[in-house]
Amino acid sequence: MIGALFSLAKPALHALDAETAHQLTIRGLSLMPVMPVRADDPRLSIEVFGRTFPNPVGLAAGFDKQCEVPDQLLGLGFGFVELGGVVPKPQEGNPRPRVFRLTQDEAVINRFGLNSDGLDAACRRLAQRRGRPGIVGVNIGANKDSVDRVSDYVLCIQRLCGLADFLTVNVSSPNTPGLRDLQGEAFLDDLLARSIEARNKSEQGRHKTIVLLKIAPDISLDTLDAIVSTALKRGIDGLTVSNTTVARPESLKEKTLASETGGLSGRPLFVPSTRLLAETFLRVERKIPLIGVGGVDSAEAAWAKIRAGASLVQLYSAMVYKGPGLVGNIKSGLVQTLAAEKISLAQALGRDASAIARGEF
């Protein structure tokens, strides 16, 4: 039903600028009743981070930035949703226009700059859904004008522990000046140490809130080595690979729009993000789970992420072009693949990581 409605609404939505269309989509979802989630095929269930995910297909951060419609999104069939990014103080982000559809490439460029209603609003909205089913996480960041960005992350963790199943420390957005500098070894070590300390002190016997680290695709393998080493040393629960890219592949067809500043997501991000995912899997040696993000627009793409080492996958940009029906199509395709290969998700995890790291998909 929702997929059919999207097909009818898509021409009108795409006639609008991308941000206005997105705001209308969030508004429309907010007016929908919260629907009971249909049970998934049991072959899609997977245990990760000490939780049972009904399926491995999640919604990436950036769609529901203000934590307004998590339950409606879960009703679309996602196994989990990630909200945000959330920063401590409200901030408007960068001037509009700040998001662009590269239609021929099935890609998006955004430079939102972590526009956020702020931590108070996020906590208030999440508190209202306390006790409801579904796995919900929050992507957290630092204010653009912050003089102590590490303290911003710590504050977010302190306030959001117990309100979300997982928190994603985002040091990889290309749209906040200097933020990616926090991926440097010394900065990252301090950030992760204080983040884990804040989580541990804030739990007070409650169900453990998972802390993840989201990294950029535009890093060298030497930098990846340092990030993985630091993450493992500091006890991070998992890594999300990867954020948007500042690179502009020569293959892009929308040459004029490709010159816009910001992070590129969607289909062109699939290959570099999946190769980085495989490289990360080989380095973590199954010590922590990985979430694969970037260019997931089909069951085949999701399956490649799993074979590269992702216990869970996330998507966002592909929904701009294919609508919410994509979630069900990916799940159906995964079930068919599992049945044809007579294999489980756990057995497929990372089985082709070495080949994919070499670019052999």
Protein backbone atom coordinates (compact mmCIF):
# COMPACT_ATOMS: atom_id res chain seq x y z
CA MET A 1 0.00 0.00 0.00
CA ILE A 2 2.69 2.51 1.01
CA GLY A 3 4.78 1.55 -2.00
CA ALA A 4 1.82 2.22 -4.27
CA LEU A 5 1.22 5.59 -2.63
CA PHE A 6 4.87 6.50 -3.17
CA SER A 7 4.61 5.63 -6.87
CA LEU A 8 1.67 8.02 -7.17
CA ALA A 9 3.33 10.77 -5.14
CA LYS A 10 6.86 10.47 -6.57
CA PRO A 11 6.39 12.79 -9.59
CA ALA A 12 4.98 15.53 -7.35
CA LEU A 13 7.66 15.06 -4.68
CA HIS A 14 10.47 15.11 -7.23
CA ALA A 15 9.04 18.28 -8.75
CA LEU A 16 9.83 19.99 -5.44
CA ASP A 17 13.28 20.79 -4.14
CA ALA A 18 14.69 17.82 -2.27
CA GLU A 19 14.50 19.26 1.26
CA THR A 20 10.89 20.41 0.92
CA ALA A 21 9.91 16.99 -0.43
CA HIS A 22 11.63 15.35 2.51
CA GLN A 23 9.88 17.60 5.03
CA LEU A 24 6.51 16.71 3.47
CA THR A 25 7.41 13.02 3.70
CA ILE A 26 8.17 13.32 7.41
CA ARG A 27 4.95 15.25 7.90
CA GLY A 28 2.98 12.58 6.08
CA LEU A 29 4.53 9.83 8.18
CA SER A 30 3.73 11.74 11.37
CA LEU A 31 0.04 11.71 10.43
CA MET A 32 0.02 7.95 9.92
CA PRO A 33 -1.11 5.67 12.73
CA VAL A 34 1.55 3.41 14.17
CA MET A 35 0.95 0.08 12.48
CA PRO A 36 1.78 -3.29 14.04
CA VAL A 37 4.91 -4.70 12.45
CA ARG A 38 4.41 -7.85 10.41
CA ALA A 39 6.57 -10.77 11.44
CA ASP A 40 9.58 -11.39 9.22
CA ASP A 41 10.74 -14.70 7.85
CA PRO A 42 12.66 -16.29 10.74
CA ARG A 43 15.65 -16.82 8.45
CA LEU A 44 16.20 -13.06 8.54
CA SER A 45 16.48 -12.90 12.32
CA ILE A 46 19.98 -12.25 13.61
CA GLU A 47 21.60 -11.76 17.01
CA VAL A 48 23.85 -8.69 17.12
CA PHE A 49 25.03 -6.56 20.06
CA GLY A 50 23.13 -8.84 22.42
CA ARG A 51 19.82 -8.03 20.74
CA THR A 52 17.61 -9.96 18.36
CA PHE A 53 17.03 -8.04 15.15
CA PRO A 54 13.97 -9.30 13.23
CA ASN A 55 15.82 -8.62 9.99
CA PRO A 56 19.19 -7.04 9.12
CA VAL A 57 17.85 -4.13 7.03
CA GLY A 58 17.93 -0.79 8.83
CA LEU A 59 17.30 2.85 8.06
CA ALA A 60 20.42 5.01 8.17
CA ALA A 61 20.72 8.26 10.06
CA GLY A 62 19.69 11.46 8.32
CA PHE A 63 16.15 10.53 7.35
CA ASP A 64 14.44 11.24 10.67
CA LYS A 65 16.86 13.89 11.90
CA GLN A 66 14.58 15.22 14.63
CA CYS A 67 13.44 11.85 16.06
CA GLU A 68 9.84 12.48 15.03
CA VAL A 69 8.59 9.25 13.41
CA PRO A 70 10.62 6.21 14.54
CA ASP A 71 7.62 3.95 15.05
CA GLN A 72 6.08 4.78 11.69
CA LEU A 73 9.44 3.97 10.09
CA LEU A 74 9.66 0.64 11.90
CA GLY A 75 6.20 -0.04 10.49
CA LEU A 76 7.68 0.09 6.98
CA GLY A 77 9.47 -3.15 7.73
CA PHE A 78 12.90 -2.03 8.86
CA GLY A 79 14.66 -4.28 11.36
CA PHE A 80 15.92 -1.16 13.13
CA VAL A 81 16.09 2.59 12.57
CA GLU A 82 18.76 5.16 13.35
CA LEU A 83 17.59 8.70 14.10
CA GLY A 84 19.46 12.00 14.07
CA GLY A 85 22.11 13.34 13.93
CA VAL A 86 21.42 15.00 17.22
CA VAL A 87 23.66 17.68 18.74
CA PRO A 88 23.39 19.26 22.21
CA LYS A 89 22.15 22.73 21.26
CA PRO A 90 19.65 23.49 18.49
CA GLN A 91 21.35 24.63 15.30
CA GLU A 92 20.05 25.48 11.86
CA GLY A 93 22.81 23.88 9.85
CA ASN A 94 24.03 25.24 6.56
CA PRO A 95 22.04 27.62 4.32
CA ARG A 96 19.58 26.23 1.78
CA PRO A 97 19.73 24.78 -0.80
CA ARG A 98 21.75 22.05 0.87
CA VAL A 99 20.57 18.77 -0.64
CA PHE A 100 20.57 17.76 -4.31
CA ARG A 101 19.24 14.78 -6.23
CA LEU A 102 21.60 13.38 -8.85
CA THR A 103 18.78 11.52 -10.54
CA GLN A 104 20.74 9.92 -13.39
CA ASP A 105 23.19 8.53 -10.84
CA GLU A 106 20.58 7.56 -8.22
CA ALA A 107 22.65 9.57 -5.79
CA VAL A 108 22.26 12.47 -3.37
CA ILE A 109 24.62 15.22 -2.27
CA ASN A 110 23.87 16.88 1.05
CA ARG A 111 25.52 19.54 3.13
CA PHE A 112 22.92 19.89 5.88
CA GLY A 113 25.54 20.57 8.53
CA LEU A 114 23.79 18.60 11.30
CA ASN A 115 20.67 20.75 11.46
CA SER A 116 19.05 19.70 14.72
CA ASP A 117 16.27 20.62 17.13
CA GLY A 118 18.78 19.82 19.86
CA LEU A 119 19.18 17.28 22.62
CA ASP A 120 16.25 18.39 24.78
CA ALA A 121 13.76 17.91 21.95
CA ALA A 122 15.24 14.54 21.00
CA CYS A 123 15.09 13.27 24.59
CA ARG A 124 11.52 14.46 24.99
CA ARG A 125 10.36 12.67 21.83
CA LEU A 126 12.20 9.46 22.64
CA ALA A 127 10.84 9.43 26.18
CA GLN A 128 7.32 9.44 24.73
CA ARG A 129 7.95 6.10 22.99
CA ARG A 130 9.59 4.42 25.98
CA GLY A 131 8.45 0.81 26.26
CA ARG A 132 7.37 0.46 22.62
CA PRO A 133 8.78 -2.41 20.56
CA GLY A 134 11.46 -2.00 17.91
CA ILE A 135 15.18 -1.32 17.90
CA VAL A 136 15.94 2.41 17.68
CA GLY A 137 19.30 4.16 17.71
CA VAL A 138 20.45 7.77 17.62
CA ASN A 139 23.35 9.28 15.69
CA ILE A 140 25.11 11.93 17.79
CA GLY A 141 27.43 14.78 16.89
CA ALA A 142 28.92 18.04 18.07
CA ASN A 143 27.69 21.59 17.61
CA LYS A 144 29.42 23.55 14.90
CA ASP A 145 30.44 26.33 17.31
CA SER A 146 31.41 24.04 20.19
CA VAL A 147 34.69 24.79 21.95
CA ASP A 148 34.84 21.25 23.39
CA ARG A 149 33.42 18.79 20.90
CA VAL A 150 34.28 15.71 22.92
CA SER A 151 32.14 17.07 25.76
CA ASP A 152 29.25 17.42 23.30
CA TYR A 153 29.36 13.70 22.56
CA VAL A 154 29.65 12.88 26.25
CA LEU A 155 26.59 14.99 27.06
CA CYS A 156 24.56 13.31 24.31
CA ILE A 157 25.49 9.88 25.65
CA GLN A 158 24.65 10.83 29.22
CA ARG A 159 21.21 12.10 28.22
CA LEU A 160 20.29 9.46 25.65
CA CYS A 161 21.37 6.34 27.53
CA GLY A 162 18.25 4.35 28.33
CA LEU A 163 16.20 6.16 25.65
CA ALA A 164 17.83 4.41 22.67
CA ASP A 165 19.12 0.92 21.99
CA PHE A 166 22.30 2.23 20.42
CA LEU A 167 24.17 5.50 19.98
CA THR A 168 26.39 6.17 16.99
CA VAL A 169 29.34 8.48 17.54
CA ASN A 170 29.51 10.38 14.26
CA VAL A 171 32.97 11.82 13.61
CA SER A 172 32.71 11.37 9.86
CA SER A 173 30.19 13.90 8.56
CA PRO A 174 31.91 16.03 5.93
CA ASN A 175 29.54 18.94 6.53
CA THR A 176 30.73 20.21 9.92
CA PRO A 177 34.13 21.93 9.61
CA GLY A 178 36.85 20.07 11.47
CA LEU A 179 34.64 17.18 12.57
CA ARG A 180 36.55 14.55 10.59
CA ASP A 181 39.70 15.66 12.42
CA LEU A 182 38.30 13.71 15.38
CA GLN A 183 39.18 10.55 13.44
CA GLY A 184 42.84 11.32 14.17
CA GLU A 185 44.34 8.79 16.55
CA ALA A 186 44.91 11.06 19.58
CA PHE A 187 41.54 12.81 19.31
CA LEU A 188 39.71 9.55 18.69
CA ASP A 189 41.33 7.82 21.65
CA ASP A 190 40.17 10.57 24.01
CA LEU A 191 36.72 10.72 22.44
CA LEU A 192 36.09 6.99 22.63
CA ALA A 193 37.52 6.65 26.13
CA ARG A 194 35.24 9.41 27.44
CA SER A 195 32.26 8.12 25.45
CA ILE A 196 32.49 4.61 26.88
CA GLU A 197 33.07 6.00 30.37
CA ALA A 198 29.96 8.17 30.02
CA ARG A 199 27.89 5.19 28.83
CA ASN A 200 29.09 2.99 31.68
CA LYS A 201 28.38 5.61 34.33
CA SER A 202 24.97 6.43 32.88
CA GLU A 203 23.64 2.86 32.73
CA GLN A 204 23.15 2.29 36.47
CA GLY A 205 21.91 -1.26 35.98
CA ARG A 206 19.70 -0.54 33.01
CA HIS A 207 19.78 -2.46 29.72
CA LYS A 208 23.13 -1.68 28.14
CA THR A 209 23.07 1.03 25.49
CA ILE A 210 25.30 0.07 22.56
CA VAL A 211 27.93 2.62 21.47
CA LEU A 212 29.06 2.53 17.84
CA LEU A 213 31.56 4.55 15.82
CA LYS A 214 30.75 5.71 12.28
CA ILE A 215 33.71 6.28 9.98
CA ALA A 216 34.26 8.03 6.66
CA PRO A 217 34.92 6.24 3.37
CA ASP A 218 37.66 8.70 2.45
CA ILE A 219 40.40 7.33 4.69
CA SER A 220 43.65 5.54 3.98
CA LEU A 221 44.23 1.98 5.11
CA ASP A 222 46.83 3.27 7.57
CA THR A 223 44.15 5.50 9.10
CA LEU A 224 41.76 2.56 9.16
CA ASP A 225 44.38 0.52 11.01
CA ALA A 226 44.62 3.23 13.68
CA ILE A 227 40.84 3.62 13.97
CA VAL A 228 40.25 -0.11 14.39
CA SER A 229 43.06 -0.40 16.93
CA THR A 230 41.70 2.51 18.97
CA ALA A 231 38.10 1.30 18.77
CA LEU A 232 39.04 -2.17 19.99
CA LYS A 233 41.25 -0.81 22.75
CA ARG A 234 38.51 1.46 24.06
CA GLY A 235 35.77 -1.15 23.96
CA ILE A 236 33.52 0.28 21.26
CA ASP A 237 30.68 -2.17 20.58
CA GLY A 238 30.79 -1.91 16.78
CA LEU A 239 31.66 0.15 13.71
CA THR A 240 29.42 1.63 11.03
CA VAL A 241 31.04 1.73 7.60
CA SER A 242 30.58 4.26 6.11
CA ASN A 243 29.38 7.86 5.99
CA THR A 244 29.02 9.91 2.81
CA THR A 245 32.02 10.67 0.60
CA VAL A 246 33.59 13.92 -0.50
CA ALA A 247 34.97 12.15 -3.57
CA ARG A 248 33.33 12.63 -6.96
CA PRO A 249 33.76 9.57 -9.19
CA GLU A 250 34.42 10.26 -12.86
CA SER A 251 31.47 7.99 -13.65
CA LEU A 252 28.93 10.53 -12.35
CA LYS A 253 26.55 11.64 -15.08
CA GLU A 254 25.14 14.72 -13.34
CA LYS A 255 28.33 16.74 -13.86
CA THR A 256 26.90 20.12 -12.86
CA LEU A 257 25.31 18.92 -9.64
CA ALA A 258 28.39 16.85 -8.87
CA SER A 259 30.27 20.09 -8.31
CA GLU A 260 28.09 20.94 -5.30
CA THR A 261 29.88 20.80 -1.95
CA GLY A 262 28.80 18.09 0.46
CA GLY A 263 28.68 14.37 1.06
CA LEU A 264 27.77 12.06 -1.80
CA SER A 265 25.57 9.05 -1.05
CA GLY A 266 23.61 6.51 -3.03
CA ARG A 267 24.66 4.10 -5.77
CA PRO A 268 28.10 5.65 -6.51
CA LEU A 269 29.10 5.06 -2.88
CA PHE A 270 28.45 1.32 -3.02
CA VAL A 271 31.82 0.09 -4.28
CA PRO A 272 34.17 2.26 -2.16
CA SER A 273 32.11 1.83 1.01
CA THR A 274 31.82 -1.94 0.54
CA ARG A 275 35.55 -2.34 -0.09
CA LEU A 276 36.26 -0.32 3.07
CA LEU A 277 33.75 -2.49 4.93
CA ALA A 278 35.62 -5.62 3.83
CA GLU A 279 38.94 -4.10 4.84
CA THR A 280 37.47 -3.26 8.24
CA PHE A 281 36.08 -6.77 8.69
CA LEU A 282 39.51 -8.27 8.02
CA ARG A 283 41.01 -5.99 10.67
CA VAL A 284 38.47 -6.44 13.46
CA GLU A 285 38.73 -10.24 13.13
CA ARG A 286 35.11 -10.75 14.26
CA LYS A 287 35.81 -9.13 17.63
CA ILE A 288 33.02 -6.59 17.09
CA PRO A 289 30.09 -6.45 14.63
CA LEU A 290 29.94 -4.09 11.67
CA ILE A 291 27.05 -2.21 10.05
CA GLY A 292 27.39 -1.73 6.30
CA VAL A 293 26.06 1.49 4.77
CA GLY A 294 26.45 3.05 1.35
CA GLY A 295 24.66 2.34 -1.92
CA VAL A 296 22.30 -0.36 -0.63
CA ASP A 297 19.54 -0.28 -3.25
CA SER A 298 18.73 -3.94 -3.84
CA ALA A 299 18.87 -7.39 -2.27
CA GLU A 300 22.06 -8.00 -4.25
CA ALA A 301 23.72 -4.93 -2.76
CA ALA A 302 22.63 -5.92 0.76
CA TRP A 303 23.93 -9.47 0.21
CA ALA A 304 27.29 -8.07 -0.93
CA LYS A 305 27.54 -6.03 2.28
CA ILE A 306 26.86 -9.16 4.33
CA ARG A 307 29.46 -11.15 2.39
CA ALA A 308 31.89 -8.27 2.96
CA GLY A 309 31.40 -8.51 6.71
CA ALA A 310 28.27 -6.57 7.70
CA SER A 311 26.07 -8.16 10.35
CA LEU A 312 23.51 -5.44 9.60
CA VAL A 313 22.98 -3.09 6.67
CA GLN A 314 21.44 0.35 6.37
CA LEU A 315 19.99 2.39 3.53
CA TYR A 316 18.53 5.82 2.97
CA SER A 317 19.27 7.46 -0.40
CA ALA A 318 17.83 4.57 -2.42
CA MET A 319 14.41 5.24 -0.87
CA VAL A 320 14.43 8.64 -2.60
CA TYR A 321 14.28 6.82 -5.92
CA LYS A 322 12.69 3.46 -5.14
CA GLY A 323 10.39 4.29 -2.25
CA PRO A 324 9.60 2.38 0.96
CA GLY A 325 8.64 -0.76 -0.97
CA LEU A 326 12.38 -1.30 -1.40
CA VAL A 327 12.62 -2.59 2.19
CA GLY A 328 10.29 -5.51 1.52
CA ASN A 329 11.96 -6.24 -1.81
CA ILE A 330 15.37 -6.48 -0.17
CA LYS A 331 14.08 -8.78 2.54
CA SER A 332 12.36 -11.04 0.02
CA GLY A 333 15.50 -11.18 -2.09
CA LEU A 334 17.64 -12.08 0.91
CA VAL A 335 15.27 -14.93 1.84
CA GLN A 336 15.45 -16.27 -1.71
CA THR A 337 19.25 -16.12 -1.67
CA LEU A 338 19.48 -17.85 1.70
CA ALA A 339 17.14 -20.58 0.49
CA ALA A 340 18.97 -21.06 -2.81
CA GLU A 341 22.38 -21.25 -1.17
CA LYS A 342 21.11 -23.25 1.82
CA ILE A 343 22.97 -20.93 4.15
CA SER A 344 22.22 -18.69 7.14
CA LEU A 345 23.05 -15.02 7.54
CA ALA A 346 25.67 -15.93 10.13
CA GLN A 347 27.31 -18.39 7.74
CA ALA A 348 27.46 -15.78 4.97
CA LEU A 349 28.98 -13.12 7.20
CA GLY A 350 32.29 -11.97 5.77
CA ARG A 351 32.82 -15.07 3.65
CA ASP A 352 34.04 -13.02 0.66
CA ALA A 353 35.70 -10.19 2.56
CA SER A 354 39.18 -10.85 1.16
CA ALA A 355 37.95 -10.90 -2.43
CA ILE A 356 35.77 -7.82 -2.01
CA ALA A 357 38.66 -5.92 -0.41
CA ARG A 358 40.54 -6.58 -3.66
CA GLY A 359 37.59 -5.25 -5.66
CA GLU A 360 36.27 -8.68 -6.67
CA PHE A 361 32.54 -8.51 -6.07
